[in-house]
Protein backbone atom coordinates (compact mmCIF):
# COMPACT_ATOMS: atom_id res chain seq x y z
CA MET A 1 71.98 -80.32 79.87
CA SER A 2 69.57 -81.35 77.63
CA ASP A 3 66.95 -80.33 79.98
CA VAL A 4 68.39 -76.87 80.23
CA ASN A 5 68.70 -76.62 76.47
CA PHE A 6 65.20 -77.88 76.17
CA ILE A 7 63.88 -75.39 78.64
CA ASN A 8 65.84 -72.60 77.03
CA ALA A 9 64.57 -73.63 73.62
CA TYR A 10 61.11 -73.98 75.13
CA ASN A 11 61.31 -70.53 76.63
CA GLU A 12 62.61 -69.14 73.39
CA VAL A 13 59.73 -70.76 71.49
CA ILE A 14 57.27 -69.45 74.05
CA LEU A 15 58.84 -66.02 73.84
CA GLU A 16 58.77 -66.14 70.08
CA ASN A 17 55.15 -67.35 70.12
CA LEU A 18 54.32 -64.72 72.68
CA ASN A 19 55.97 -62.10 70.48
CA ALA A 20 54.11 -63.48 67.47
CA ILE A 21 50.84 -63.53 69.41
CA MET A 22 51.43 -60.03 70.70
CA LYS A 23 52.28 -58.80 67.22
CA GLN A 24 49.18 -60.47 65.96
CA ASN A 25 47.18 -59.02 68.84
CA PHE A 26 48.58 -55.56 68.16
CA MET A 27 47.70 -55.98 64.48
CA PHE A 28 44.18 -57.07 65.36
CA GLN A 29 43.76 -54.24 67.83
CA THR A 30 45.04 -51.74 65.26
CA GLN A 31 42.70 -53.19 62.68
CA ILE A 32 39.84 -53.06 65.22
CA ARG A 33 40.59 -49.39 65.95
CA LEU A 34 40.66 -48.59 62.25
CA LEU A 35 37.44 -50.50 61.78
CA GLU A 36 35.86 -48.68 64.71
CA GLU A 37 36.87 -45.37 63.16
CA ARG A 38 35.47 -46.57 59.86
CA VAL A 39 32.30 -47.76 61.58
CA LYS A 40 31.96 -44.26 63.02
CA LEU A 41 32.29 -42.95 59.45
CA ILE A 42 29.62 -45.35 58.11
CA PRO A 43 26.60 -43.20 59.17
CA GLU A 44 28.32 -40.14 57.75
CA MET A 45 29.17 -42.03 54.56
CA GLU A 46 25.62 -43.40 54.39
CA GLU A 47 24.32 -39.85 54.79
CA LYS A 48 26.68 -38.68 52.06
CA LEU A 49 25.58 -41.61 49.91
CA ASP A 50 21.94 -40.70 50.52
CA ASN A 51 22.75 -37.10 49.62
CA VAL A 52 24.55 -38.25 46.50
CA GLU A 53 21.60 -40.49 45.60
CA LYS A 54 19.18 -37.64 46.30
CA ASN A 55 21.35 -35.27 44.27
CA GLU A 56 21.53 -37.86 41.54
CA THR A 57 17.75 -38.24 41.64
CA ILE A 58 17.34 -34.47 41.64
CA LYS A 59 19.85 -34.15 38.82
CA GLN A 60 18.12 -36.94 36.92
CA GLU A 61 14.77 -35.19 37.42
CA GLU A 62 16.36 -31.88 36.37
CA TYR A 63 17.88 -33.61 33.36
CA ASN A 64 14.51 -35.14 32.45
CA ARG A 65 12.84 -31.76 32.93
CA LEU A 66 15.46 -30.10 30.72
CA VAL A 67 15.06 -32.83 28.10
CA ASN A 68 11.28 -32.29 28.16
CA GLU A 69 11.76 -28.52 28.03
CA LYS A 70 14.17 -28.95 25.12
CA ALA A 71 11.63 -31.13 23.31
CA ASN A 72 8.89 -28.56 24.01
CA LEU A 73 11.14 -25.75 22.76
CA ALA A 74 12.03 -27.79 19.68
CA ASN A 75 8.31 -28.33 19.03
CA GLU A 76 7.66 -24.63 19.59
CA VAL A 77 10.53 -23.72 17.25
CA ASP A 78 9.11 -26.11 14.64
CA SER A 79 5.63 -24.60 15.02
CA LEU A 80 7.09 -21.08 14.84
CA LYS A 81 9.05 -22.06 11.72
CA SER A 82 5.86 -23.44 10.22
CA GLU A 83 3.98 -20.29 11.18
CA LEU A 84 6.80 -18.18 9.74
CA ASN A 85 6.67 -20.15 6.50
CA ASN A 86 2.89 -19.71 6.37
CA LYS A 87 3.23 -15.98 7.01
CA ASN A 88 5.98 -15.73 4.39
CA LEU A 89 3.63 -17.45 1.92
CA ILE A 90 0.86 -15.03 2.88
CA ILE A 91 3.25 -12.09 2.47
CA GLN A 92 4.41 -13.41 -0.90
CA ASN A 93 0.78 -13.90 -1.92
CA ASN A 94 0.02 -10.38 -0.72
CA ILE A 95 3.03 -9.07 -2.62
CA THR A 96 1.93 -11.03 -5.66
CA SER A 97 -1.65 -9.88 -5.21
CA ASP A 98 -0.40 -6.32 -4.56
CA ASN A 99 1.63 -6.55 -7.75
CA ASP A 100 -1.42 -7.98 -9.52
CA LYS A 101 -3.60 -5.23 -8.02
CA HIS A 102 -1.08 -2.62 -9.08
CA ARG A 103 -0.84 -4.12 -12.56
CA LEU A 104 -4.64 -4.34 -12.83
CA GLN A 105 -5.09 -0.83 -11.44
CA THR A 106 -2.55 0.47 -13.96
CA ALA A 107 -4.40 -1.36 -16.73
CA VAL A 108 -7.74 0.04 -15.50
CA ASN A 109 -6.25 3.54 -15.33
CA ASN A 110 -4.87 3.20 -18.86
CA GLN A 111 -8.25 1.93 -20.07
CA MET A 112 -9.99 4.83 -18.33
CA LYS A 113 -7.61 7.28 -20.03
CA GLU A 114 -8.34 5.63 -23.36
CA ILE A 115 -12.09 5.74 -22.63
CA GLU A 116 -11.83 9.43 -21.69
CA GLY A 117 -9.90 10.02 -24.90
CA PHE A 118 -12.57 8.15 -26.86
CA LYS A 119 -15.33 10.12 -25.11
CA GLU A 120 -13.55 13.35 -25.95
CA THR A 121 -13.11 12.18 -29.55
CA ILE A 122 -16.80 11.21 -29.69
CA ASN A 123 -17.81 14.59 -28.26
CA ASN A 124 -15.57 16.35 -30.79
CA LEU A 125 -17.01 14.23 -33.58
CA LYS A 126 -20.57 14.96 -32.38
CA LYS A 127 -19.74 18.65 -32.27
CA GLN A 128 -18.24 18.46 -35.76
CA GLN A 129 -21.28 16.52 -36.93
CA LYS A 130 -23.59 19.12 -35.40
CA ASP A 131 -21.55 21.93 -36.92
CA GLN A 132 -21.54 20.16 -40.28
CA GLN A 133 -25.27 19.47 -39.99
CA GLU A 134 -25.87 23.14 -39.32
CA TYR A 135 -23.62 24.01 -42.23
CA ILE A 136 -25.46 21.51 -44.43
CA THR A 137 -28.77 22.97 -43.29
CA GLN A 138 -27.50 26.45 -44.14
CA LEU A 139 -26.29 25.21 -47.50
CA GLU A 140 -29.62 23.46 -48.15
CA ASP A 141 -31.45 26.64 -47.24
CA MET A 142 -29.33 28.48 -49.77
CA LEU A 143 -30.09 25.97 -52.53
CA PRO A 144 -32.77 26.86 -55.00
CA ASN A 145 -35.88 24.70 -55.00
CA SER A 146 -35.01 23.04 -58.31
CA LYS A 147 -31.72 21.72 -56.92
CA LYS A 148 -33.50 20.63 -53.75
CA LYS A 149 -35.91 18.58 -55.83
CA LYS A 150 -33.04 16.94 -57.73
CA LEU A 151 -31.28 16.04 -54.48
CA GLY A 152 -34.51 14.77 -52.89
CA ILE A 153 -34.63 17.37 -50.13
CA ASP A 154 -38.07 18.19 -48.82
CA ILE A 155 -39.11 21.68 -49.62
CA PRO A 156 -41.00 23.40 -46.86
CA GLU A 157 -44.12 25.16 -47.94
CA GLU A 158 -43.53 28.80 -47.34
CA PRO A 159 -45.20 31.70 -48.90
CA LYS A 160 -43.27 32.62 -51.93
CA PRO A 161 -42.10 36.17 -51.99
CA ASN A 162 -42.93 38.28 -54.97
CA LYS A 163 -40.11 39.41 -57.07
CA GLU A 164 -40.93 42.94 -56.28
CA GLU A 165 -41.03 42.39 -52.57
CA PRO A 166 -37.72 43.19 -51.04
CA ILE A 167 -36.15 40.82 -48.44
CA THR A 168 -34.94 42.53 -45.35
CA LEU A 169 -32.13 41.29 -43.14
CA LYS A 170 -31.34 42.70 -39.78
CA LYS A 171 -27.89 43.27 -38.51
CA LYS A 172 -26.86 43.64 -34.97
CA ASP A 173 -26.85 47.34 -35.21
CA ASP A 174 -30.47 47.15 -36.35
CA ASN A 175 -29.71 48.73 -39.69
CA ILE A 176 -32.16 47.36 -42.17
CA GLN A 177 -30.87 46.49 -45.58
CA LYS A 178 -33.17 45.61 -48.44
CA PHE A 179 -32.40 43.18 -51.23
CA ALA A 180 -34.47 42.31 -54.18
CA SER A 181 -34.79 38.65 -55.05
CA THR A 182 -34.07 37.85 -58.66
CA GLY A 183 -35.05 34.18 -58.40
CA GLY A 184 -31.87 32.96 -60.10
CA THR A 185 -29.72 29.91 -59.40
CA PHE A 186 -26.18 29.62 -58.36
């Protein structure tokens, strides 16, 4: 019996080994199929990886371009700010110079008004002086010669009228009036 038991045990071991081998074979075949499917996916995955790498490169280039553009725009903004500050200074200088011009023009206008006033005053004074000079001349003409000598006024040499000779004065209406000179003083 021992041989039968041995053979039965042997057959059972073989069957168990065969089952284990078959299970292992099935597992390997399943793994091989999965690997074959994955191997089929490798070119597609490599293509996707290449696309991702290309996209990453493109995105990196785009990022670099945007960073450069940002830097350029920042520089341009800085230059525009500087230009704006310069123009603001120019405008403030112009406003200041406009205010100065206005102030100076106002001062010049006031001075011109004063000068015109002074000119008018001078003209009035000259006219008064002329009028007074004429009046003085008339008064000097009316003075007798003795008073003229005392005051140091030059006496023009005119023919002296005789006391009997009448002096005639003309009016506008050409009426002649005669006066006799008495030769007296004031």
